């Protein structure tokens, strides 16, 4: 017996690729270390998937802006889709792991985050 299959007509396939290229959406460029090592390290070993999400989002935003990212915990949480307390914990963990640097003009100022890539400096030392 023939099973019916659902397929898109040829003209409707892969329109997202056409849309992306026609409106010029920039794609995130990740260092292979991020997906090959850091993902497993933060999510698997450290059991901190929110830290990986924060790192990826800040990396993308820093690439888009071309500079460090000034953003509040609340705005960062809403941008990623996780709770503010998860963002606070993730930021603290990334700072401890030396994957993120934070600067504040005053104690109550909005933090400015700079994504760090310590593996690049290690590679040049060896």
PDB file of N, CA and C in Angstrom:
ATOM      1  N   UNK A   1       0.834  -1.174   0.000  1.00  0.00           N
ATOM      2  CA  UNK A   1       0.000   0.000   0.000  1.00  0.00           C
ATOM      3  C   UNK A   1       0.882   1.241   0.000  1.00  0.00           C
ATOM      4  N   UNK A   2       0.550   2.198  -0.782  1.00  0.00           N
ATOM      5  CA  UNK A   2       1.320   3.432  -0.927  1.00  0.00           C
ATOM      6  C   UNK A   2       0.970   4.406   0.191  1.00  0.00           C
ATOM      7  N   UNK A   3       2.000   4.875   0.920  1.00  0.00           N
ATOM      8  CA  UNK A   3       1.782   5.859   1.983  1.00  0.00           C
ATOM      9  C   UNK A   3       1.874   7.254   1.382  1.00  0.00           C
ATOM     10  N   UNK A   4       0.898   8.103   1.638  1.00  0.00           N
ATOM     11  CA  UNK A   4       0.977   9.465   1.118  1.00  0.00           C
ATOM     12  C   UNK A   4       2.089  10.239   1.842  1.00  0.00           C
ATOM     13  N   UNK A   5       2.785  11.065   1.119  1.00  0.00           N
ATOM     14  CA  UNK A   5       3.819  11.904   1.707  1.00  0.00           C
ATOM     15  C   UNK A   5       3.457  13.366   1.504  1.00  0.00           C
ATOM     16  N   UNK A   6       3.880  14.140   2.438  1.00  0.00           N
ATOM     17  CA  UNK A   6       3.620  15.573   2.353  1.00  0.00           C
ATOM     18  C   UNK A   6       4.920  16.243   1.929  1.00  0.00           C
ATOM     19  N   UNK A   7       4.901  16.895   0.818  1.00  0.00           N
ATOM     20  CA  UNK A   7       6.082  17.616   0.348  1.00  0.00           C
ATOM     21  C   UNK A   7       5.669  18.997  -0.115  1.00  0.00           C
ATOM     22  N   UNK A   8       6.612  19.886  -0.070  1.00  0.00           N
ATOM     23  CA  UNK A   8       6.359  21.232  -0.559  1.00  0.00           C
ATOM     24  C   UNK A   8       6.540  21.252  -2.064  1.00  0.00           C
ATOM     25  N   UNK A   9       5.773  22.080  -2.745  1.00  0.00           N
ATOM     26  CA  UNK A   9       6.020  22.220  -4.171  1.00  0.00           C
ATOM     27  C   UNK A   9       7.421  22.771  -4.383  1.00  0.00           C
ATOM     28  N   UNK A  10       8.093  22.417  -5.484  1.00  0.00           N
ATOM     29  CA  UNK A  10       9.475  22.835  -5.699  1.00  0.00           C
ATOM     30  C   UNK A  10       9.693  24.339  -5.547  1.00  0.00           C
ATOM     31  N   UNK A  11       8.766  25.145  -5.948  1.00  0.00           N
ATOM     32  CA  UNK A  11       8.946  26.600  -5.872  1.00  0.00           C
ATOM     33  C   UNK A  11       8.946  27.105  -4.427  1.00  0.00           C
ATOM     34  N   UNK A  12       8.321  26.357  -3.496  1.00  0.00           N
ATOM     35  CA  UNK A  12       8.207  26.817  -2.113  1.00  0.00           C
ATOM     36  C   UNK A  12       9.371  26.353  -1.241  1.00  0.00           C
ATOM     37  N   UNK A  13      10.185  25.462  -1.729  1.00  0.00           N
ATOM     38  CA  UNK A  13      11.295  24.933  -0.941  1.00  0.00           C
ATOM     39  C   UNK A  13      12.412  25.953  -0.794  1.00  0.00           C
ATOM     40  N   UNK A  14      13.035  25.940   0.377  1.00  0.00           N
ATOM     41  CA  UNK A  14      14.226  26.736   0.665  1.00  0.00           C
ATOM     42  C   UNK A  14      14.037  28.242   0.480  1.00  0.00           C
ATOM     43  N   UNK A  15      12.848  28.723   0.711  1.00  0.00           N
ATOM     44  CA  UNK A  15      12.619  30.161   0.608  1.00  0.00           C
ATOM     45  C   UNK A  15      13.278  30.928   1.749  1.00  0.00           C
ATOM     46  N   UNK A  16      13.486  30.250   2.877  1.00  0.00           N
ATOM     47  CA  UNK A  16      14.147  30.949   3.980  1.00  0.00           C
ATOM     48  C   UNK A  16      15.567  31.339   3.590  1.00  0.00           C
ATOM     49  N   UNK A  17      16.262  30.462   2.865  1.00  0.00           N
ATOM     50  CA  UNK A  17      17.606  30.790   2.396  1.00  0.00           C
ATOM     51  C   UNK A  17      17.596  31.967   1.447  1.00  0.00           C
ATOM     52  N   UNK A  18      16.597  32.010   0.586  1.00  0.00           N
ATOM     53  CA  UNK A  18      16.463  33.125  -0.350  1.00  0.00           C
ATOM     54  C   UNK A  18      16.175  34.413   0.423  1.00  0.00           C
ATOM     55  N   UNK A  19      15.302  34.331   1.410  1.00  0.00           N
ATOM     56  CA  UNK A  19      14.942  35.507   2.200  1.00  0.00           C
ATOM     57  C   UNK A  19      16.156  36.039   2.963  1.00  0.00           C
ATOM     58  N   UNK A  20      16.919  35.145   3.554  1.00  0.00           N
ATOM     59  CA  UNK A  20      18.094  35.568   4.320  1.00  0.00           C
ATOM     60  C   UNK A  20      19.097  36.260   3.417  1.00  0.00           C
ATOM     61  N   UNK A  21      19.348  35.686   2.258  1.00  0.00           N
ATOM     62  CA  UNK A  21      20.344  36.305   1.378  1.00  0.00           C
ATOM     63  C   UNK A  21      19.821  37.586   0.743  1.00  0.00           C
ATOM     64  N   UNK A  22      18.515  37.671   0.507  1.00  0.00           N
ATOM     65  CA  UNK A  22      17.999  38.870  -0.154  1.00  0.00           C
ATOM     66  C   UNK A  22      17.873  40.070   0.776  1.00  0.00           C
ATOM     67  N   UNK A  23      17.672  39.827   2.097  1.00  0.00           N
ATOM     68  CA  UNK A  23      17.579  40.969   3.008  1.00  0.00           C
ATOM     69  C   UNK A  23      18.875  41.203   3.770  1.00  0.00           C
ATOM     70  N   UNK A  24      19.859  40.354   3.550  1.00  0.00           N
ATOM     71  CA  UNK A  24      21.188  40.583   4.104  1.00  0.00           C
ATOM     72  C   UNK A  24      21.332  40.334   5.590  1.00  0.00           C
ATOM     73  N   UNK A  25      20.733  39.288   6.119  1.00  0.00           N
ATOM     74  CA  UNK A  25      20.896  38.960   7.528  1.00  0.00           C
ATOM     75  C   UNK A  25      22.291  38.375   7.722  1.00  0.00           C
ATOM     76  N   UNK A  26      23.038  38.938   8.649  1.00  0.00           N
ATOM     77  CA  UNK A  26      24.393  38.455   8.921  1.00  0.00           C
ATOM     78  C   UNK A  26      24.322  37.187   9.764  1.00  0.00           C
ATOM     79  N   UNK A  27      25.125  36.225   9.412  1.00  0.00           N
ATOM     80  CA  UNK A  27      25.180  34.972  10.155  1.00  0.00           C
ATOM     81  C   UNK A  27      26.248  35.070  11.230  1.00  0.00           C
ATOM     82  N   UNK A  28      25.973  34.467  12.369  1.00  0.00           N
ATOM     83  CA  UNK A  28      26.915  34.444  13.475  1.00  0.00           C
ATOM     84  C   UNK A  28      28.114  33.579  13.098  1.00  0.00           C
ATOM     85  N   UNK A  29      29.309  34.092  13.327  1.00  0.00           N
ATOM     86  CA  UNK A  29      30.530  33.340  13.072  1.00  0.00           C
ATOM     87  C   UNK A  29      31.076  32.879  14.409  1.00  0.00           C
ATOM     88  N   UNK A  30      31.031  31.564  14.624  1.00  0.00           N
ATOM     89  CA  UNK A  30      31.528  30.998  15.870  1.00  0.00           C
ATOM     90  C   UNK A  30      32.867  30.329  15.652  1.00  0.00           C
ATOM     91  N   UNK A  31      33.750  30.525  16.599  1.00  0.00           N
ATOM     92  CA  UNK A  31      35.008  29.805  16.622  1.00  0.00           C
ATOM     93  C   UNK A  31      34.668  28.320  16.792  1.00  0.00           C
ATOM     94  N   UNK A  32      35.303  27.418  16.067  1.00  0.00           N
ATOM     95  CA  UNK A  32      35.006  25.986  16.217  1.00  0.00           C
ATOM     96  C   UNK A  32      35.137  25.501  17.662  1.00  0.00           C
ATOM     97  N   UNK A  33      36.005  26.108  18.449  1.00  0.00           N
ATOM     98  CA  UNK A  33      36.175  25.726  19.851  1.00  0.00           C
ATOM     99  C   UNK A  33      34.852  25.840  20.618  1.00  0.00           C
ATOM    100  N   UNK A  34      34.046  26.839  20.272  1.00  0.00           N
ATOM    101  CA  UNK A  34      32.785  27.075  20.984  1.00  0.00           C
ATOM    102  C   UNK A  34      31.854  25.874  20.856  1.00  0.00           C
ATOM    103  N   UNK A  35      31.719  25.334  19.652  1.00  0.00           N
ATOM    104  CA  UNK A  35      30.806  24.206  19.452  1.00  0.00           C
ATOM    105  C   UNK A  35      31.458  22.858  19.733  1.00  0.00           C
ATOM    106  N   UNK A  36      32.759  22.749  19.554  1.00  0.00           N
ATOM    107  CA  UNK A  36      33.434  21.464  19.743  1.00  0.00           C
ATOM    108  C   UNK A  36      33.825  21.200  21.194  1.00  0.00           C
ATOM    109  N   UNK A  37      34.107  22.249  21.959  1.00  0.00           N
ATOM    110  CA  UNK A  37      34.598  22.068  23.328  1.00  0.00           C
ATOM    111  C   UNK A  37      33.732  22.795  24.355  1.00  0.00           C
ATOM    112  N   UNK A  38      33.531  24.087  24.158  1.00  0.00           N
ATOM    113  CA  UNK A  38      32.842  24.896  25.161  1.00  0.00           C
ATOM    114  C   UNK A  38      31.399  24.434  25.399  1.00  0.00           C
ATOM    115  N   UNK A  39      30.701  24.056  24.354  1.00  0.00           N
ATOM    116  CA  UNK A  39      29.321  23.568  24.497  1.00  0.00           C
ATOM    117  C   UNK A  39      29.279  22.388  25.460  1.00  0.00           C
ATOM    118  N   UNK A  40      30.091  21.371  25.211  1.00  0.00           N
ATOM    119  CA  UNK A  40      30.099  20.186  26.084  1.00  0.00           C
ATOM    120  C   UNK A  40      30.584  20.528  27.487  1.00  0.00           C
ATOM    121  N   UNK A  41      31.539  21.451  27.584  1.00  0.00           N
ATOM    122  CA  UNK A  41      32.088  21.817  28.877  1.00  0.00           C
ATOM    123  C   UNK A  41      31.053  22.533  29.746  1.00  0.00           C
ATOM    124  N   UNK A  42      30.399  23.559  29.198  1.00  0.00           N
ATOM    125  CA  UNK A  42      29.417  24.326  29.979  1.00  0.00           C
ATOM    126  C   UNK A  42      28.124  23.554  30.210  1.00  0.00           C
ATOM    127  N   UNK A  43      27.623  22.893  29.168  1.00  0.00           N
ATOM    128  CA  UNK A  43      26.327  22.216  29.282  1.00  0.00           C
ATOM    129  C   UNK A  43      26.461  20.847  29.940  1.00  0.00           C
ATOM    130  N   UNK A  44      27.441  20.068  29.490  1.00  0.00           N
ATOM    131  CA  UNK A  44      27.592  18.706  29.998  1.00  0.00           C
ATOM    132  C   UNK A  44      28.317  18.630  31.326  1.00  0.00           C
ATOM    133  N   UNK A  45      29.546  19.095  31.356  1.00  0.00           N
ATOM    134  CA  UNK A  45      30.373  18.975  32.554  1.00  0.00           C
ATOM    135  C   UNK A  45      29.915  19.904  33.673  1.00  0.00           C
ATOM    136  N   UNK A  46      29.778  21.200  33.373  1.00  0.00           N
ATOM    137  CA  UNK A  46      29.388  22.171  34.402  1.00  0.00           C
ATOM    138  C   UNK A  46      27.893  22.154  34.707  1.00  0.00           C
ATOM    139  N   UNK A  47      27.111  21.578  33.806  1.00  0.00           N
ATOM    140  CA  UNK A  47      25.638  21.544  33.933  1.00  0.00           C
ATOM    141  C   UNK A  47      25.057  22.947  34.059  1.00  0.00           C
ATOM    142  N   UNK A  48      25.506  23.822  33.165  1.00  0.00           N
ATOM    143  CA  UNK A  48      25.054  25.217  33.153  1.00  0.00           C
ATOM    144  C   UNK A  48      24.689  25.640  31.732  1.00  0.00           C
ATOM    145  N   UNK A  49      23.591  25.085  31.213  1.00  0.00           N
ATOM    146  CA  UNK A  49      23.200  25.444  29.850  1.00  0.00           C
ATOM    147  C   UNK A  49      22.871  26.931  29.688  1.00  0.00           C
ATOM    148  N   UNK A  50      22.380  27.571  30.737  1.00  0.00           N
ATOM    149  CA  UNK A  50      22.080  29.004  30.645  1.00  0.00           C
ATOM    150  C   UNK A  50      23.360  29.799  30.394  1.00  0.00           C
ATOM    151  N   UNK A  51      24.470  29.342  30.947  1.00  0.00           N
ATOM    152  CA  UNK A  51      25.747  30.023  30.717  1.00  0.00           C
ATOM    153  C   UNK A  51      26.126  29.961  29.246  1.00  0.00           C
ATOM    154  N   UNK A  52      25.883  28.821  28.620  1.00  0.00           N
ATOM    155  CA  UNK A  52      26.188  28.699  27.196  1.00  0.00           C
ATOM    156  C   UNK A  52      25.283  29.621  26.379  1.00  0.00           C
ATOM    157  N   UNK A  53      24.006  29.680  26.715  1.00  0.00           N
ATOM    158  CA  UNK A  53      23.077  30.568  25.999  1.00  0.00           C
ATOM    159  C   UNK A  53      23.497  32.028  26.143  1.00  0.00           C
ATOM    160  N   UNK A  54      23.867  32.431  27.346  1.00  0.00           N
ATOM    161  CA  UNK A  54      24.305  33.814  27.579  1.00  0.00           C
ATOM    162  C   UNK A  54      25.570  34.092  26.774  1.00  0.00           C
ATOM    163  N   UNK A  55      26.508  33.150  26.778  1.00  0.00           N
ATOM    164  CA  UNK A  55      27.761  33.337  26.045  1.00  0.00           C
ATOM    165  C   UNK A  55      27.495  33.482  24.542  1.00  0.00           C
ATOM    166  N   UNK A  56      26.654  32.623  23.998  1.00  0.00           N
ATOM    167  CA  UNK A  56      26.342  32.679  22.560  1.00  0.00           C
ATOM    168  C   UNK A  56      25.630  33.982  22.214  1.00  0.00           C
ATOM    169  N   UNK A  57      24.646  34.384  23.021  1.00  0.00           N
ATOM    170  CA  UNK A  57      23.897  35.602  22.726  1.00  0.00           C
ATOM    171  C   UNK A  57      24.823  36.821  22.788  1.00  0.00           C
ATOM    172  N   UNK A  58      25.651  36.903  23.828  1.00  0.00           N
ATOM    173  CA  UNK A  58      26.564  38.043  23.947  1.00  0.00           C
ATOM    174  C   UNK A  58      27.614  38.037  22.829  1.00  0.00           C
ATOM    175  N   UNK A  59      28.061  36.862  22.420  1.00  0.00           N
ATOM    176  CA  UNK A  59      29.000  36.763  21.291  1.00  0.00           C
ATOM    177  C   UNK A  59      28.369  37.334  20.029  1.00  0.00           C
ATOM    178  N   UNK A  60      27.143  36.913  19.752  1.00  0.00           N
ATOM    179  CA  UNK A  60      26.443  37.399  18.557  1.00  0.00           C
ATOM    180  C   UNK A  60      26.219  38.902  18.612  1.00  0.00           C
ATOM    181  N   UNK A  61      25.805  39.391  19.756  1.00  0.00           N
ATOM    182  CA  UNK A  61      25.528  40.823  19.905  1.00  0.00           C
ATOM    183  C   UNK A  61      26.813  41.640  19.808  1.00  0.00           C
ATOM    184  N   UNK A  62      27.894  41.130  20.388  1.00  0.00           N
ATOM    185  CA  UNK A  62      29.181  41.820  20.304  1.00  0.00           C
ATOM    186  C   UNK A  62      29.665  41.863  18.853  1.00  0.00           C
ATOM    187  N   UNK A  63      29.472  40.785  18.104  1.00  0.00           N
ATOM    188  CA  UNK A  63      29.834  40.784  16.682  1.00  0.00           C
ATOM    189  C   UNK A  63      28.988  41.786  15.907  1.00  0.00           C
ATOM    190  N   UNK A  64      27.691  41.809  16.198  1.00  0.00           N
ATOM    191  CA  UNK A  64      26.784  42.711  15.495  1.00  0.00           C
ATOM    192  C   UNK A  64      27.135  44.173  15.744  1.00  0.00           C
ATOM    193  N   UNK A  65      27.421  44.508  17.011  1.00  0.00           N
ATOM    194  CA  UNK A  65      27.720  45.896  17.378  1.00  0.00           C
ATOM    195  C   UNK A  65      29.167  46.284  17.077  1.00  0.00           C
ATOM    196  N   UNK A  66      30.046  45.303  17.077  1.00  0.00           N
ATOM    197  CA  UNK A  66      31.461  45.594  16.880  1.00  0.00           C
ATOM    198  C   UNK A  66      32.138  46.117  18.132  1.00  0.00           C
ATOM    199  N   UNK A  67      31.476  45.973  19.267  1.00  0.00           N
ATOM    200  CA  UNK A  67      32.041  46.433  20.541  1.00  0.00           C
ATOM    201  C   UNK A  67      31.370  45.690  21.694  1.00  0.00           C
ATOM    202  N   UNK A  68      31.839  45.966  22.903  1.00  0.00           N
ATOM    203  CA  UNK A  68      31.261  45.355  24.096  1.00  0.00           C
ATOM    204  C   UNK A  68      29.768  45.697  24.186  1.00  0.00           C
ATOM    205  N   UNK A  69      29.041  44.884  24.935  1.00  0.00           N
ATOM    206  CA  UNK A  69      27.576  44.990  24.995  1.00  0.00           C
ATOM    207  C   UNK A  69      27.127  45.527  26.350  1.00  0.00           C
ATOM    208  N   UNK A  70      26.433  46.659  26.328  1.00  0.00           N
ATOM    209  CA  UNK A  70      25.849  47.221  27.543  1.00  0.00           C
ATOM    210  C   UNK A  70      24.391  46.779  27.597  1.00  0.00           C
ATOM    211  N   UNK A  71      24.067  45.976  28.617  1.00  0.00           N
ATOM    212  CA  UNK A  71      22.700  45.454  28.723  1.00  0.00           C
ATOM    213  C   UNK A  71      22.429  45.061  30.175  1.00  0.00           C
ATOM    214  N   UNK A  72      21.196  45.281  30.620  1.00  0.00           N
ATOM    215  CA  UNK A  72      20.804  44.922  31.984  1.00  0.00           C
ATOM    216  C   UNK A  72      20.506  43.426  32.061  1.00  0.00           C
ATOM    217  N   UNK A  73      20.511  42.891  33.275  1.00  0.00           N
ATOM    218  CA  UNK A  73      20.158  41.487  33.469  1.00  0.00           C
ATOM    219  C   UNK A  73      18.760  41.205  32.915  1.00  0.00           C
ATOM    220  N   UNK A  74      17.820  42.100  33.203  1.00  0.00           N
ATOM    221  CA  UNK A  74      16.441  41.898  32.762  1.00  0.00           C
ATOM    222  C   UNK A  74      16.335  41.864  31.234  1.00  0.00           C
ATOM    223  N   UNK A  75      16.974  42.812  30.567  1.00  0.00           N
ATOM    224  CA  UNK A  75      16.927  42.836  29.101  1.00  0.00           C
ATOM    225  C   UNK A  75      17.624  41.620  28.494  1.00  0.00           C
ATOM    226  N   UNK A  76      18.728  41.206  29.107  1.00  0.00           N
ATOM    227  CA  UNK A  76      19.428  40.016  28.635  1.00  0.00           C
ATOM    228  C   UNK A  76      18.553  38.782  28.811  1.00  0.00           C
ATOM    229  N   UNK A  77      17.893  38.677  29.949  1.00  0.00           N
ATOM    230  CA  UNK A  77      16.996  37.549  30.214  1.00  0.00           C
ATOM    231  C   UNK A  77      15.864  37.500  29.190  1.00  0.00           C
ATOM    232  N   UNK A  78      15.264  38.636  28.903  1.00  0.00           N
ATOM    233  CA  UNK A  78      14.168  38.679  27.934  1.00  0.00           C
ATOM    234  C   UNK A  78      14.653  38.370  26.520  1.00  0.00           C
ATOM    235  N   UNK A  79      15.859  38.792  26.190  1.00  0.00           N
ATOM    236  CA  UNK A  79      16.408  38.523  24.860  1.00  0.00           C
ATOM    237  C   UNK A  79      16.674  37.040  24.638  1.00  0.00           C
ATOM    238  N   UNK A  80      17.063  36.343  25.697  1.00  0.00           N
ATOM    239  CA  UNK A  80      17.402  34.922  25.586  1.00  0.00           C
ATOM    240  C   UNK A  80      16.191  34.036  25.861  1.00  0.00           C
ATOM    241  N   UNK A  81      15.297  34.513  26.717  1.00  0.00           N
ATOM    242  CA  UNK A  81      14.119  33.715  27.059  1.00  0.00           C
ATOM    243  C   UNK A  81      14.311  32.882  28.306  1.00  0.00           C
ATOM    244  N   UNK A  82      15.141  33.365  29.229  1.00  0.00           N
ATOM    245  CA  UNK A  82      15.337  32.681  30.504  1.00  0.00           C
ATOM    246  C   UNK A  82      15.115  33.691  31.628  1.00  0.00           C
ATOM    247  N   UNK A  83      15.099  33.212  32.863  1.00  0.00           N
ATOM    248  CA  UNK A  83      14.826  34.107  33.993  1.00  0.00           C
ATOM    249  C   UNK A  83      16.014  35.011  34.292  1.00  0.00           C
ATOM    250  N   UNK A  84      15.712  36.112  34.971  1.00  0.00           N
ATOM    251  CA  UNK A  84      16.754  37.062  35.358  1.00  0.00           C
ATOM    252  C   UNK A  84      17.749  36.403  36.309  1.00  0.00           C
ATOM    253  N   UNK A  85      17.259  35.591  37.231  1.00  0.00           N
ATOM    254  CA  UNK A  85      18.171  34.924  38.176  1.00  0.00           C
ATOM    255  C   UNK A  85      19.080  33.931  37.449  1.00  0.00           C
ATOM    256  N   UNK A  86      18.580  33.289  36.403  1.00  0.00           N
ATOM    257  CA  UNK A  86      19.416  32.385  35.600  1.00  0.00           C
ATOM    258  C   UNK A  86      20.517  33.166  34.891  1.00  0.00           C
ATOM    259  N   UNK A  87      20.174  34.354  34.399  1.00  0.00           N
ATOM    260  CA  UNK A  87      21.169  35.203  33.735  1.00  0.00           C
ATOM    261  C   UNK A  87      22.225  35.644  34.744  1.00  0.00           C
ATOM    262  N   UNK A  88      21.794  36.058  35.933  1.00  0.00           N
ATOM    263  CA  UNK A  88      22.743  36.492  36.957  1.00  0.00           C
ATOM    264  C   UNK A  88      23.716  35.368  37.312  1.00  0.00           C
ATOM    265  N   UNK A  89      23.186  34.184  37.490  1.00  0.00           N
ATOM    266  CA  UNK A  89      24.025  33.026  37.808  1.00  0.00           C
ATOM    267  C   UNK A  89      24.970  32.705  36.649  1.00  0.00           C
ATOM    268  N   UNK A  90      24.449  32.743  35.428  1.00  0.00           N
ATOM    269  CA  UNK A  90      25.256  32.436  34.241  1.00  0.00           C
ATOM    270  C   UNK A  90      26.382  33.444  34.060  1.00  0.00           C
ATOM    271  N   UNK A  91      26.078  34.720  34.236  1.00  0.00           N
ATOM    272  CA  UNK A  91      27.100  35.764  34.101  1.00  0.00           C
ATOM    273  C   UNK A  91      28.195  35.548  35.146  1.00  0.00           C
ATOM    274  N   UNK A  92      27.804  35.264  36.374  1.00  0.00           N
ATOM    275  CA  UNK A  92      28.790  35.005  37.428  1.00  0.00           C
ATOM    276  C   UNK A  92      29.691  33.828  37.083  1.00  0.00           C
ATOM    277  N   UNK A  93      29.094  32.771  36.540  1.00  0.00           N
ATOM    278  CA  UNK A  93      29.860  31.584  36.163  1.00  0.00           C
ATOM    279  C   UNK A  93      30.827  31.891  35.015  1.00  0.00           C
ATOM    280  N   UNK A  94      30.354  32.630  34.021  1.00  0.00           N
ATOM    281  CA  UNK A  94      31.208  32.984  32.880  1.00  0.00           C
ATOM    282  C   UNK A  94      32.371  33.882  33.304  1.00  0.00           C
ATOM    283  N   UNK A  95      32.135  34.750  34.258  1.00  0.00           N
ATOM    284  CA  UNK A  95      33.207  35.607  34.776  1.00  0.00           C
ATOM    285  C   UNK A  95      34.243  34.738  35.501  1.00  0.00           C
ATOM    286  N   UNK A  96      33.759  33.811  36.346  1.00  0.00           N
ATOM    287  CA  UNK A  96      34.673  32.906  37.064  1.00  0.00           C
ATOM    288  C   UNK A  96      35.493  32.053  36.096  1.00  0.00           C
ATOM    289  N   UNK A  97      34.870  31.646  34.998  1.00  0.00           N
ATOM    290  CA  UNK A  97      35.561  30.819  33.990  1.00  0.00           C
ATOM    291  C   UNK A  97      36.437  31.665  33.060  1.00  0.00           C
ATOM    292  N   UNK A  98      36.453  32.965  33.260  1.00  0.00           N
ATOM    293  CA  UNK A  98      37.224  33.916  32.442  1.00  0.00           C
ATOM    294  C   UNK A  98      36.802  33.884  30.968  1.00  0.00           C
ATOM    295  N   UNK A  99      35.488  33.722  30.767  1.00  0.00           N
ATOM    296  CA  UNK A  99      34.908  33.764  29.431  1.00  0.00           C
ATOM    297  C   UNK A  99      34.181  35.076  29.182  1.00  0.00           C
ATOM    298  N   UNK A 100      34.056  35.879  30.229  1.00  0.00           N
ATOM    299  CA  UNK A 100      33.329  37.133  30.149  1.00  0.00           C
ATOM    300  C   UNK A 100      33.974  38.138  31.089  1.00  0.00           C
ATOM    301  N   UNK A 101      34.108  39.369  30.618  1.00  0.00           N
ATOM    302  CA  UNK A 101      34.582  40.462  31.461  1.00  0.00           C
ATOM    303  C   UNK A 101      33.439  41.456  31.596  1.00  0.00           C
ATOM    304  N   UNK A 102      33.313  42.037  32.767  1.00  0.00           N
ATOM    305  CA  UNK A 102      32.236  42.998  32.994  1.00  0.00           C
ATOM    306  C   UNK A 102      32.837  44.283  33.562  1.00  0.00           C
ATOM    307  N   UNK A 103      32.268  45.398  33.128  1.00  0.00           N
ATOM    308  CA  UNK A 103      32.700  46.699  33.605  1.00  0.00           C
ATOM    309  C   UNK A 103      31.461  47.526  33.924  1.00  0.00           C
ATOM    310  N   UNK A 104      31.503  48.236  35.048  1.00  0.00           N
ATOM    311  CA  UNK A 104      30.404  49.116  35.440  1.00  0.00           C
ATOM    312  C   UNK A 104      30.993  50.446  35.879  1.00  0.00           C
ATOM    313  N   UNK A 105      30.413  51.531  35.382  1.00  0.00           N
ATOM    314  CA  UNK A 105      30.884  52.867  35.756  1.00  0.00           C
ATOM    315  C   UNK A 105      30.648  53.125  37.235  1.00  0.00           C
ATOM    316  N   UNK A 106      29.490  52.692  37.741  1.00  0.00           N
ATOM    317  CA  UNK A 106      29.157  52.806  39.164  1.00  0.00           C
ATOM    318  C   UNK A 106      28.519  51.492  39.588  1.00  0.00           C
ATOM    319  N   UNK A 107      28.300  51.335  40.867  1.00  0.00           N
ATOM    320  CA  UNK A 107      27.721  50.093  41.384  1.00  0.00           C
ATOM    321  C   UNK A 107      26.348  49.816  40.778  1.00  0.00           C
ATOM    322  N   UNK A 108      25.563  50.859  40.549  1.00  0.00           N
ATOM    323  CA  UNK A 108      24.204  50.674  40.036  1.00  0.00           C
ATOM    324  C   UNK A 108      24.092  50.854  38.520  1.00  0.00           C
ATOM    325  N   UNK A 109      25.204  51.064  37.856  1.00  0.00           N
ATOM    326  CA  UNK A 109      25.178  51.283  36.402  1.00  0.00           C
ATOM    327  C   UNK A 109      24.885  49.974  35.660  1.00  0.00           C
ATOM    328  N   UNK A 110      24.393  50.108  34.440  1.00  0.00           N
ATOM    329  CA  UNK A 110      24.168  48.949  33.581  1.00  0.00           C
ATOM    330  C   UNK A 110      25.519  48.355  33.199  1.00  0.00           C
ATOM    331  N   UNK A 111      25.692  47.041  33.369  1.00  0.00           N
ATOM    332  CA  UNK A 111      26.981  46.426  33.063  1.00  0.00           C
ATOM    333  C   UNK A 111      27.299  46.438  31.564  1.00  0.00           C
ATOM    334  N   UNK A 112      28.584  46.489  31.271  1.00  0.00           N
ATOM    335  CA  UNK A 112      29.080  46.389  29.900  1.00  0.00           C
ATOM    336  C   UNK A 112      29.882  45.090  29.840  1.00  0.00           C
ATOM    337  N   UNK A 113      29.442  44.171  28.969  1.00  0.00           N
ATOM    338  CA  UNK A 113      30.048  42.846  28.871  1.00  0.00           C
ATOM    339  C   UNK A 113      30.945  42.732  27.652  1.00  0.00           C
ATOM    340  N   UNK A 114      32.101  42.106  27.868  1.00  0.00           N
ATOM    341  CA  UNK A 114      33.009  41.809  26.765  1.00  0.00           C
ATOM    342  C   UNK A 114      33.250  40.309  26.763  1.00  0.00           C
ATOM    343  N   UNK A 115      32.925  39.653  25.648  1.00  0.00           N
ATOM    344  CA  UNK A 115      33.138  38.220  25.514  1.00  0.00           C
ATOM    345  C   UNK A 115      34.627  37.965  25.333  1.00  0.00           C
ATOM    346  N   UNK A 116      35.147  37.011  26.101  1.00  0.00           N
ATOM    347  CA  UNK A 116      36.561  36.665  26.044  1.00  0.00           C
ATOM    348  C   UNK A 116      36.750  35.301  25.371  1.00  0.00           C
ATOM    349  N   UNK A 117      37.892  35.132  24.745  1.00  0.00           N
ATOM    350  CA  UNK A 117      38.237  33.866  24.088  1.00  0.00           C
ATOM    351  C   UNK A 117      39.634  33.446  24.549  1.00  0.00           C
ATOM    352  N   UNK A 118      39.741  32.951  25.791  1.00  0.00           N
ATOM    353  CA  UNK A 118      41.063  32.628  26.341  1.00  0.00           C
ATOM    354  C   UNK A 118      41.793  31.523  25.582  1.00  0.00           C
ATOM    355  N   UNK A 119      41.077  30.653  24.889  1.00  0.00           N
ATOM    356  CA  UNK A 119      41.728  29.576  24.136  1.00  0.00           C
ATOM    357  C   UNK A 119      42.560  30.115  22.980  1.00  0.00           C
ATOM    358  N   UNK A 120      42.222  31.272  22.474  1.00  0.00           N
ATOM    359  CA  UNK A 120      43.015  31.855  21.381  1.00  0.00           C
ATOM    360  C   UNK A 120      44.390  32.278  21.884  1.00  0.00           C
ATOM    361  N   UNK A 121      44.461  32.868  23.057  1.00  0.00           N
ATOM    362  CA  UNK A 121      45.760  33.289  23.593  1.00  0.00           C
ATOM    363  C   UNK A 121      46.589  32.070  23.986  1.00  0.00           C
ATOM    364  N   UNK A 122      45.955  30.995  24.446  1.00  0.00           N
ATOM    365  CA  UNK A 122      46.681  29.761  24.767  1.00  0.00           C
ATOM    366  C   UNK A 122      47.296  29.148  23.523  1.00  0.00           C
ATOM    367  N   UNK A 123      46.583  29.223  22.418  1.00  0.00           N
ATOM    368  CA  UNK A 123      47.062  28.633  21.160  1.00  0.00           C
ATOM    369  C   UNK A 123      48.312  29.349  20.663  1.00  0.00           C
ATOM    370  N   UNK A 124      48.414  30.642  20.908  1.00  0.00           N
ATOM    371  CA  UNK A 124      49.585  31.382  20.442  1.00  0.00           C
ATOM    372  C   UNK A 124      50.786  31.166  21.342  1.00  0.00           C
ATOM    373  N   UNK A 125      50.558  30.742  22.591  1.00  0.00           N
ATOM    374  CA  UNK A 125      51.674  30.488  23.509  1.00  0.00           C
ATOM    375  C   UNK A 125      52.392  29.182  23.213  1.00  0.00           C
ATOM    376  N   UNK A 126      51.683  28.215  22.624  1.00  0.00           N
ATOM    377  CA  UNK A 126      52.300  26.907  22.393  1.00  0.00           C
ATOM    378  C   UNK A 126      52.988  26.825  21.064  1.00  0.00           C
TER     379      UNK A 126
END
